[in-house]
């Protein structure tokens, strides 16, 4: 998408399904498991669902800076932007309700993490954190478990990163 230079409130962006940029960060431990967050029930988008951290890129903000900021805001995990490895960019469109449509260009990153879920500080955005193996997530996504947010292209990118091209 081409930048318009227009700055709109988040509520308006989602009400009208306006194309915008976001980031998502996969957190990978040394065992090859992925640390996900369970979104707080108070969140407008995907309350109570498991997903990777991420969010809107602010005006004049670089993508990697946004990803690091979102990781800290949502899970209290501090990473320098240079510690995030860019995996790719995907397009996500999701109708949630008449008042909320997602229409985003999402930059996907991965970063190593050595924390245990209980070491992660609670925030108002996240109720819980937990590691899942790739196989666990494949099973959850294949069964269309409504407790998980599934971005197929993003999941393919992280599997390719873990297993190598063509191995997922």
N, C-alpha and C. Protein backbone atom coordinates (compact mmCIF):
# COMPACT_ATOMS: atom_id res chain seq x y z
N UNK A 1 0.81 -1.18 0.00
CA UNK A 1 0.00 0.00 0.00
C UNK A 1 0.86 1.25 0.00
N UNK A 2 0.32 2.29 -0.55
CA UNK A 2 1.02 3.56 -0.60
C UNK A 2 0.64 4.41 0.61
N UNK A 3 1.62 5.03 1.25
CA UNK A 3 1.33 5.89 2.38
C UNK A 3 0.59 7.13 1.89
N UNK A 4 -0.45 7.49 2.65
CA UNK A 4 -1.24 8.67 2.27
C UNK A 4 -0.83 9.89 3.07
N UNK A 5 -0.16 9.67 4.21
CA UNK A 5 0.19 10.78 5.08
C UNK A 5 -0.96 11.17 5.98
N UNK A 6 -2.10 10.52 5.81
CA UNK A 6 -3.28 10.82 6.61
C UNK A 6 -3.16 10.12 7.96
N UNK A 7 -3.47 10.83 9.04
CA UNK A 7 -3.45 10.27 10.38
C UNK A 7 -4.88 10.23 10.89
N UNK A 8 -5.33 9.02 11.23
CA UNK A 8 -6.71 8.83 11.68
C UNK A 8 -6.73 8.12 13.03
N UNK A 9 -7.77 8.36 13.83
CA UNK A 9 -7.91 7.63 15.09
C UNK A 9 -8.11 6.13 14.83
N UNK A 10 -7.57 5.32 15.70
CA UNK A 10 -7.68 3.86 15.59
C UNK A 10 -9.12 3.40 15.40
N UNK A 11 -10.05 4.01 16.16
CA UNK A 11 -11.46 3.62 16.07
C UNK A 11 -12.02 3.84 14.67
N UNK A 12 -11.62 4.94 14.04
CA UNK A 12 -12.10 5.24 12.69
C UNK A 12 -11.49 4.28 11.68
N UNK A 13 -10.22 3.96 11.86
CA UNK A 13 -9.54 3.01 10.96
C UNK A 13 -10.29 1.69 10.95
N UNK A 14 -10.67 1.20 12.12
CA UNK A 14 -11.34 -0.10 12.21
C UNK A 14 -12.81 -0.02 11.84
N UNK A 15 -13.46 1.08 12.13
CA UNK A 15 -14.88 1.22 11.79
C UNK A 15 -15.08 1.13 10.28
N UNK A 16 -14.17 1.76 9.52
CA UNK A 16 -14.31 1.80 8.07
C UNK A 16 -13.40 0.81 7.34
N UNK A 17 -12.65 0.02 8.09
CA UNK A 17 -11.77 -0.97 7.46
C UNK A 17 -10.69 -0.36 6.60
N UNK A 18 -10.11 0.75 7.07
CA UNK A 18 -9.08 1.46 6.31
C UNK A 18 -7.75 0.70 6.42
N UNK A 19 -7.08 0.55 5.28
CA UNK A 19 -5.80 -0.14 5.23
C UNK A 19 -4.77 0.58 6.11
N UNK A 20 -4.07 -0.19 6.95
CA UNK A 20 -3.06 0.38 7.85
C UNK A 20 -1.95 -0.65 8.08
N UNK A 21 -0.84 -0.18 8.67
CA UNK A 21 0.32 -1.04 8.91
C UNK A 21 0.39 -1.47 10.37
N UNK A 22 0.78 -2.74 10.56
CA UNK A 22 0.93 -3.31 11.90
C UNK A 22 2.17 -4.20 11.93
N UNK A 23 2.50 -4.65 13.13
CA UNK A 23 3.60 -5.61 13.31
C UNK A 23 3.12 -6.76 14.18
N UNK A 24 3.76 -7.89 14.03
CA UNK A 24 3.57 -9.03 14.93
C UNK A 24 4.93 -9.66 15.17
N UNK A 25 5.14 -10.15 16.39
CA UNK A 25 6.44 -10.69 16.79
C UNK A 25 6.27 -12.12 17.31
N UNK A 26 6.96 -13.05 16.68
CA UNK A 26 7.04 -14.41 17.20
C UNK A 26 8.19 -14.46 18.20
N UNK A 27 7.94 -15.06 19.36
CA UNK A 27 8.95 -15.21 20.41
C UNK A 27 9.36 -16.68 20.48
N UNK A 28 10.62 -16.96 20.16
CA UNK A 28 11.10 -18.32 20.00
C UNK A 28 12.13 -18.67 21.06
N UNK A 29 11.90 -19.77 21.79
CA UNK A 29 12.90 -20.18 22.79
C UNK A 29 13.86 -21.19 22.18
N UNK A 30 14.87 -21.59 22.95
CA UNK A 30 15.92 -22.47 22.43
C UNK A 30 15.42 -23.87 22.12
N UNK A 31 14.26 -24.25 22.67
CA UNK A 31 13.68 -25.57 22.39
C UNK A 31 12.81 -25.55 21.13
N UNK A 32 12.67 -24.38 20.51
CA UNK A 32 11.86 -24.28 19.31
C UNK A 32 10.39 -24.05 19.56
N UNK A 33 10.04 -23.71 20.81
CA UNK A 33 8.64 -23.41 21.14
C UNK A 33 8.39 -21.92 21.03
N UNK A 34 7.14 -21.57 20.83
CA UNK A 34 6.74 -20.18 20.63
C UNK A 34 5.94 -19.68 21.83
N UNK A 35 6.33 -18.53 22.33
CA UNK A 35 5.66 -17.92 23.48
C UNK A 35 4.52 -17.04 22.96
N UNK A 36 3.29 -17.39 23.35
CA UNK A 36 2.13 -16.61 22.96
C UNK A 36 1.53 -15.93 24.18
N UNK A 37 0.73 -14.93 23.91
CA UNK A 37 0.00 -14.22 24.96
C UNK A 37 -1.48 -14.50 24.80
N UNK A 38 -2.18 -14.54 25.92
CA UNK A 38 -3.64 -14.62 25.90
C UNK A 38 -4.15 -13.20 26.14
N UNK A 39 -4.86 -12.66 25.16
CA UNK A 39 -5.32 -11.28 25.25
C UNK A 39 -6.35 -11.12 26.37
N UNK A 40 -6.27 -10.01 27.06
CA UNK A 40 -7.21 -9.72 28.15
C UNK A 40 -8.63 -9.64 27.60
N UNK A 41 -9.59 -9.99 28.41
CA UNK A 41 -11.00 -9.95 28.00
C UNK A 41 -11.48 -8.53 27.72
N UNK A 42 -10.75 -7.54 28.20
CA UNK A 42 -11.14 -6.14 27.99
C UNK A 42 -10.75 -5.62 26.60
N UNK A 43 -9.98 -6.39 25.83
CA UNK A 43 -9.51 -5.94 24.51
C UNK A 43 -10.65 -6.01 23.49
N UNK A 44 -10.69 -5.01 22.58
CA UNK A 44 -11.74 -4.98 21.56
C UNK A 44 -11.54 -6.08 20.52
N UNK A 45 -10.29 -6.28 20.12
CA UNK A 45 -9.98 -7.28 19.10
C UNK A 45 -9.50 -8.56 19.77
N UNK A 46 -10.12 -9.66 19.44
CA UNK A 46 -9.72 -10.99 19.90
C UNK A 46 -9.55 -11.13 21.41
N UNK A 47 -10.54 -10.68 22.20
CA UNK A 47 -10.43 -10.83 23.66
C UNK A 47 -10.38 -12.31 24.07
N UNK A 48 -9.48 -12.63 25.02
CA UNK A 48 -9.38 -13.98 25.54
C UNK A 48 -8.78 -14.99 24.58
N UNK A 49 -8.14 -14.51 23.51
CA UNK A 49 -7.57 -15.43 22.53
C UNK A 49 -6.05 -15.41 22.56
N UNK A 50 -5.45 -16.55 22.20
CA UNK A 50 -4.00 -16.69 22.14
C UNK A 50 -3.47 -16.14 20.82
N UNK A 51 -2.41 -15.34 20.89
CA UNK A 51 -1.79 -14.77 19.71
C UNK A 51 -0.38 -14.30 20.04
N UNK A 52 0.34 -13.88 19.02
CA UNK A 52 1.65 -13.27 19.24
C UNK A 52 1.46 -11.78 19.47
N UNK A 53 2.39 -11.12 20.17
CA UNK A 53 2.25 -9.69 20.40
C UNK A 53 2.41 -8.88 19.12
N UNK A 54 1.78 -7.73 19.10
CA UNK A 54 1.90 -6.84 17.95
C UNK A 54 0.86 -5.75 18.01
N UNK A 55 0.89 -4.87 17.01
CA UNK A 55 -0.08 -3.78 16.98
C UNK A 55 0.25 -2.77 15.91
N UNK A 56 -0.46 -1.64 15.98
CA UNK A 56 -0.35 -0.58 14.99
C UNK A 56 1.02 0.08 15.00
N UNK A 57 1.49 0.43 13.82
CA UNK A 57 2.70 1.24 13.68
C UNK A 57 2.26 2.69 13.77
N UNK A 58 2.84 3.43 14.70
CA UNK A 58 2.48 4.84 14.88
C UNK A 58 3.02 5.70 13.74
N UNK A 59 2.43 6.87 13.59
CA UNK A 59 2.87 7.83 12.58
C UNK A 59 4.36 8.11 12.72
N UNK A 60 5.08 8.06 11.63
CA UNK A 60 6.52 8.33 11.56
C UNK A 60 7.37 7.32 12.33
N UNK A 61 6.80 6.19 12.72
CA UNK A 61 7.54 5.18 13.47
C UNK A 61 8.03 4.10 12.52
N UNK A 62 9.25 3.64 12.71
CA UNK A 62 9.76 2.54 11.91
C UNK A 62 9.12 1.23 12.38
N UNK A 63 8.97 0.31 11.46
CA UNK A 63 8.31 -0.96 11.75
C UNK A 63 8.97 -1.71 12.91
N UNK A 64 10.31 -1.86 12.87
CA UNK A 64 11.00 -2.60 13.93
C UNK A 64 10.88 -1.91 15.29
N UNK A 65 10.88 -0.60 15.28
CA UNK A 65 10.72 0.17 16.52
C UNK A 65 9.31 -0.09 17.08
N UNK A 66 8.33 -0.11 16.19
CA UNK A 66 6.95 -0.39 16.61
C UNK A 66 6.84 -1.79 17.21
N UNK A 67 7.46 -2.77 16.55
CA UNK A 67 7.39 -4.15 17.04
C UNK A 67 8.01 -4.27 18.43
N UNK A 68 9.15 -3.62 18.64
CA UNK A 68 9.80 -3.65 19.96
C UNK A 68 8.92 -2.95 21.00
N UNK A 69 8.31 -1.83 20.62
CA UNK A 69 7.43 -1.09 21.53
C UNK A 69 6.22 -1.95 21.92
N UNK A 70 5.58 -2.57 20.94
CA UNK A 70 4.41 -3.40 21.22
C UNK A 70 4.77 -4.59 22.12
N UNK A 71 5.92 -5.18 21.88
CA UNK A 71 6.37 -6.31 22.70
C UNK A 71 6.51 -5.89 24.15
N UNK A 72 7.04 -4.70 24.38
CA UNK A 72 7.17 -4.20 25.75
C UNK A 72 5.82 -3.83 26.34
N UNK A 73 4.98 -3.12 25.57
CA UNK A 73 3.67 -2.70 26.07
C UNK A 73 2.79 -3.89 26.45
N UNK A 74 2.81 -4.92 25.62
CA UNK A 74 1.91 -6.05 25.83
C UNK A 74 2.44 -7.08 26.81
N UNK A 75 3.76 -7.33 26.80
CA UNK A 75 4.29 -8.41 27.61
C UNK A 75 5.41 -8.00 28.56
N UNK A 76 5.83 -6.73 28.48
CA UNK A 76 6.90 -6.26 29.36
C UNK A 76 8.27 -6.79 28.98
N UNK A 77 8.40 -7.32 27.76
CA UNK A 77 9.67 -7.87 27.29
C UNK A 77 10.43 -6.78 26.54
N UNK A 78 11.64 -6.46 27.03
CA UNK A 78 12.43 -5.40 26.41
C UNK A 78 13.39 -5.99 25.39
N UNK A 79 13.28 -5.50 24.18
CA UNK A 79 14.19 -5.89 23.09
C UNK A 79 14.54 -4.63 22.31
N UNK A 80 15.78 -4.54 21.89
CA UNK A 80 16.17 -3.48 20.98
C UNK A 80 15.64 -3.84 19.59
N UNK A 81 15.27 -2.85 18.79
CA UNK A 81 14.77 -3.17 17.44
C UNK A 81 15.73 -4.07 16.66
N UNK A 82 17.04 -3.91 16.86
CA UNK A 82 18.03 -4.71 16.14
C UNK A 82 17.98 -6.19 16.52
N UNK A 83 17.34 -6.50 17.64
CA UNK A 83 17.23 -7.90 18.08
C UNK A 83 16.06 -8.63 17.41
N UNK A 84 15.28 -7.90 16.62
CA UNK A 84 14.15 -8.50 15.92
C UNK A 84 14.55 -8.78 14.47
N UNK A 85 14.31 -9.99 14.03
CA UNK A 85 14.63 -10.39 12.66
C UNK A 85 13.36 -10.34 11.82
N UNK A 86 13.40 -9.61 10.73
CA UNK A 86 12.26 -9.48 9.82
C UNK A 86 12.08 -10.77 9.03
N UNK A 87 10.86 -11.32 9.06
CA UNK A 87 10.56 -12.55 8.32
C UNK A 87 9.79 -12.29 7.03
N UNK A 88 9.00 -11.23 7.01
CA UNK A 88 8.22 -10.95 5.82
C UNK A 88 7.03 -10.06 6.14
N UNK A 89 6.24 -9.76 5.12
CA UNK A 89 5.06 -8.92 5.25
C UNK A 89 3.87 -9.66 4.67
N UNK A 90 2.76 -9.63 5.39
CA UNK A 90 1.54 -10.30 4.93
C UNK A 90 0.39 -9.30 4.91
N UNK A 91 -0.68 -9.68 4.26
CA UNK A 91 -1.91 -8.89 4.23
C UNK A 91 -2.94 -9.63 5.05
N UNK A 92 -3.63 -8.93 5.94
CA UNK A 92 -4.66 -9.55 6.77
C UNK A 92 -5.94 -8.72 6.68
N UNK A 93 -7.01 -9.39 6.33
CA UNK A 93 -8.34 -8.76 6.35
C UNK A 93 -9.25 -9.65 7.19
N UNK A 94 -9.94 -9.02 8.14
CA UNK A 94 -10.79 -9.78 9.06
C UNK A 94 -11.98 -8.92 9.46
N UNK A 95 -13.18 -9.41 9.16
CA UNK A 95 -14.39 -8.73 9.61
C UNK A 95 -14.69 -9.24 11.02
N UNK A 96 -14.75 -8.33 11.98
CA UNK A 96 -15.03 -8.69 13.37
C UNK A 96 -16.48 -8.37 13.71
N UNK A 97 -16.92 -7.16 13.35
CA UNK A 97 -18.30 -6.73 13.59
C UNK A 97 -18.57 -5.53 12.69
N UNK A 98 -19.80 -5.04 12.69
CA UNK A 98 -20.12 -3.86 11.89
C UNK A 98 -19.28 -2.64 12.29
N UNK A 99 -18.80 -2.64 13.53
CA UNK A 99 -18.02 -1.50 14.02
C UNK A 99 -16.51 -1.77 13.98
N UNK A 100 -16.10 -2.99 13.53
CA UNK A 100 -14.68 -3.33 13.60
C UNK A 100 -14.29 -4.25 12.44
N UNK A 101 -13.53 -3.70 11.52
CA UNK A 101 -12.98 -4.49 10.41
C UNK A 101 -11.48 -4.28 10.39
N UNK A 102 -10.74 -5.38 10.33
CA UNK A 102 -9.28 -5.32 10.26
C UNK A 102 -8.88 -5.36 8.80
N UNK A 103 -8.02 -4.45 8.39
CA UNK A 103 -7.50 -4.38 7.03
C UNK A 103 -6.07 -3.88 7.14
N UNK A 104 -5.13 -4.82 7.27
CA UNK A 104 -3.78 -4.43 7.63
C UNK A 104 -2.71 -5.07 6.76
N UNK A 105 -1.61 -4.35 6.67
CA UNK A 105 -0.37 -4.87 6.11
C UNK A 105 0.52 -5.11 7.32
N UNK A 106 0.87 -6.37 7.57
CA UNK A 106 1.50 -6.79 8.82
C UNK A 106 2.94 -7.24 8.57
N UNK A 107 3.89 -6.54 9.21
CA UNK A 107 5.29 -6.95 9.18
C UNK A 107 5.51 -7.98 10.28
N UNK A 108 6.12 -9.11 9.92
CA UNK A 108 6.31 -10.22 10.85
C UNK A 108 7.78 -10.31 11.25
N UNK A 109 8.01 -10.44 12.56
CA UNK A 109 9.37 -10.55 13.12
C UNK A 109 9.47 -11.77 14.02
N UNK A 110 10.71 -12.18 14.29
CA UNK A 110 10.99 -13.21 15.29
C UNK A 110 12.14 -12.70 16.14
N UNK A 111 12.12 -13.09 17.41
CA UNK A 111 13.23 -12.75 18.31
C UNK A 111 13.38 -13.87 19.33
N UNK A 112 14.61 -14.16 19.75
CA UNK A 112 14.81 -15.20 20.77
C UNK A 112 14.32 -14.72 22.13
N UNK A 113 13.85 -15.67 22.91
CA UNK A 113 13.40 -15.36 24.27
C UNK A 113 13.79 -16.52 25.18
N UNK A 114 14.24 -16.20 26.40
CA UNK A 114 14.66 -17.23 27.35
C UNK A 114 13.84 -17.17 28.64
N UNK A 115 12.76 -16.40 28.62
CA UNK A 115 11.94 -16.23 29.82
C UNK A 115 10.96 -17.38 30.01
N UNK A 116 10.63 -17.63 31.26
CA UNK A 116 9.53 -18.53 31.58
C UNK A 116 8.26 -17.67 31.66
N UNK A 117 7.10 -18.24 31.33
CA UNK A 117 5.87 -17.44 31.35
C UNK A 117 5.62 -16.71 32.67
N UNK A 118 5.97 -17.33 33.79
CA UNK A 118 5.74 -16.69 35.09
C UNK A 118 6.65 -15.49 35.33
N UNK A 119 7.71 -15.36 34.53
CA UNK A 119 8.61 -14.21 34.65
C UNK A 119 8.08 -12.98 33.92
N UNK A 120 7.05 -13.15 33.13
CA UNK A 120 6.52 -12.05 32.33
C UNK A 120 5.52 -11.27 33.16
N UNK A 121 5.74 -9.96 33.23
CA UNK A 121 4.87 -9.14 34.07
C UNK A 121 3.48 -9.02 33.44
N UNK A 122 2.43 -9.09 34.24
CA UNK A 122 1.09 -8.92 33.69
C UNK A 122 0.87 -7.47 33.23
N UNK A 123 0.09 -7.30 32.20
CA UNK A 123 -0.28 -5.97 31.72
C UNK A 123 -1.79 -5.93 31.57
N UNK A 124 -2.33 -4.75 31.31
CA UNK A 124 -3.78 -4.65 31.12
C UNK A 124 -4.21 -5.23 29.78
N UNK A 125 -3.23 -5.56 28.90
CA UNK A 125 -3.55 -6.10 27.58
C UNK A 125 -3.50 -7.62 27.52
N UNK A 126 -2.79 -8.23 28.48
CA UNK A 126 -2.52 -9.68 28.44
C UNK A 126 -2.89 -10.32 29.76
N UNK A 127 -3.63 -11.45 29.70
CA UNK A 127 -4.01 -12.12 30.94
C UNK A 127 -3.09 -13.28 31.29
N UNK A 128 -2.36 -13.82 30.28
CA UNK A 128 -1.56 -15.02 30.51
C UNK A 128 -0.56 -15.18 29.36
N UNK A 129 0.55 -15.88 29.63
CA UNK A 129 1.53 -16.21 28.60
C UNK A 129 1.86 -17.69 28.72
N UNK A 130 2.16 -18.31 27.57
CA UNK A 130 2.45 -19.76 27.58
C UNK A 130 3.21 -20.15 26.31
N UNK A 131 4.10 -21.15 26.46
CA UNK A 131 4.81 -21.70 25.30
C UNK A 131 3.96 -22.77 24.63
N UNK A 132 4.04 -22.78 23.29
CA UNK A 132 3.39 -23.81 22.48
C UNK A 132 4.43 -24.33 21.49
N UNK A 133 4.43 -25.65 21.25
CA UNK A 133 5.27 -26.17 20.19
C UNK A 133 4.60 -25.86 18.85
N UNK A 134 5.37 -25.95 17.79
CA UNK A 134 4.81 -25.74 16.46
C UNK A 134 3.71 -26.77 16.20
N UNK A 135 3.93 -28.01 16.60
CA UNK A 135 2.92 -29.06 16.41
C UNK A 135 1.64 -28.74 17.20
N UNK A 136 1.79 -28.26 18.44
CA UNK A 136 0.62 -27.83 19.23
C UNK A 136 -0.18 -26.79 18.44
N UNK A 137 0.51 -25.80 17.91
CA UNK A 137 -0.17 -24.72 17.18
C UNK A 137 -0.78 -25.23 15.89
N UNK A 138 -0.08 -26.11 15.19
CA UNK A 138 -0.66 -26.70 13.97
C UNK A 138 -1.98 -27.38 14.28
N UNK A 139 -2.00 -28.13 15.39
CA UNK A 139 -3.24 -28.83 15.79
C UNK A 139 -4.35 -27.85 16.17
N UNK A 140 -4.01 -26.80 16.91
CA UNK A 140 -5.02 -25.80 17.31
C UNK A 140 -5.59 -25.11 16.07
N UNK A 141 -4.70 -24.72 15.15
CA UNK A 141 -5.14 -24.02 13.95
C UNK A 141 -5.95 -24.94 13.04
N UNK A 142 -5.50 -26.20 12.88
CA UNK A 142 -6.20 -27.15 12.00
C UNK A 142 -7.61 -27.44 12.50
N UNK A 143 -7.78 -27.44 13.82
CA UNK A 143 -9.10 -27.71 14.39
C UNK A 143 -9.95 -26.45 14.49
N UNK A 144 -9.39 -25.32 14.00
CA UNK A 144 -10.09 -24.03 14.06
C UNK A 144 -10.52 -23.68 15.48
N UNK A 145 -9.65 -23.99 16.44
CA UNK A 145 -9.93 -23.68 17.84
C UNK A 145 -10.19 -22.18 17.98
N UNK A 146 -11.39 -21.79 18.43
CA UNK A 146 -11.73 -20.37 18.51
C UNK A 146 -10.94 -19.60 19.57
N UNK A 147 -10.15 -20.29 20.39
CA UNK A 147 -9.35 -19.62 21.40
C UNK A 147 -8.01 -19.11 20.85
N UNK A 148 -7.76 -19.36 19.55
CA UNK A 148 -6.50 -18.97 18.93
C UNK A 148 -6.76 -18.04 17.74
N UNK A 149 -5.91 -17.01 17.61
CA UNK A 149 -5.93 -16.14 16.44
C UNK A 149 -4.95 -16.77 15.44
N UNK A 150 -5.41 -16.99 14.23
CA UNK A 150 -4.60 -17.69 13.24
C UNK A 150 -4.36 -16.81 12.02
N UNK A 151 -3.10 -16.50 11.78
CA UNK A 151 -2.68 -15.81 10.56
C UNK A 151 -1.86 -16.82 9.77
N UNK A 152 -2.48 -17.54 8.81
CA UNK A 152 -1.78 -18.64 8.12
C UNK A 152 -0.44 -18.25 7.51
N UNK A 153 -0.38 -17.08 6.86
CA UNK A 153 0.87 -16.68 6.21
C UNK A 153 1.96 -16.39 7.24
N UNK A 154 1.60 -15.80 8.37
CA UNK A 154 2.57 -15.53 9.43
C UNK A 154 3.09 -16.83 10.02
N UNK A 155 2.20 -17.79 10.23
CA UNK A 155 2.60 -19.07 10.78
C UNK A 155 3.53 -19.80 9.81
N UNK A 156 3.26 -19.69 8.52
CA UNK A 156 4.15 -20.30 7.52
C UNK A 156 5.54 -19.67 7.58
N UNK A 157 5.60 -18.36 7.77
CA UNK A 157 6.90 -17.67 7.85
C UNK A 157 7.71 -18.16 9.05
N UNK A 158 7.08 -18.32 10.21
CA UNK A 158 7.84 -18.76 11.39
C UNK A 158 8.23 -20.23 11.25
N UNK A 159 7.39 -21.05 10.66
CA UNK A 159 7.76 -22.45 10.45
C UNK A 159 8.94 -22.56 9.48
N UNK A 160 8.93 -21.75 8.43
CA UNK A 160 10.04 -21.75 7.48
C UNK A 160 11.33 -21.30 8.17
N UNK A 161 11.22 -20.32 9.06
CA UNK A 161 12.39 -19.86 9.81
C UNK A 161 12.95 -20.99 10.69
N UNK A 162 12.07 -21.72 11.36
CA UNK A 162 12.49 -22.78 12.28
C UNK A 162 13.04 -24.00 11.52
N UNK A 163 12.32 -24.44 10.50
CA UNK A 163 12.64 -25.69 9.83
C UNK A 163 13.42 -25.54 8.53
N UNK A 164 13.46 -24.33 7.97
CA UNK A 164 14.12 -24.12 6.69
C UNK A 164 13.10 -24.10 5.56
N UNK A 165 13.47 -23.51 4.43
CA UNK A 165 12.55 -23.39 3.29
C UNK A 165 12.04 -24.75 2.81
N UNK A 166 10.76 -24.83 2.56
CA UNK A 166 10.16 -26.05 2.03
C UNK A 166 10.03 -27.19 3.01
N UNK A 167 10.38 -26.96 4.27
CA UNK A 167 10.35 -28.04 5.27
C UNK A 167 9.12 -27.99 6.17
N UNK A 168 8.26 -27.01 5.97
CA UNK A 168 7.11 -26.92 6.88
C UNK A 168 5.93 -27.60 6.25
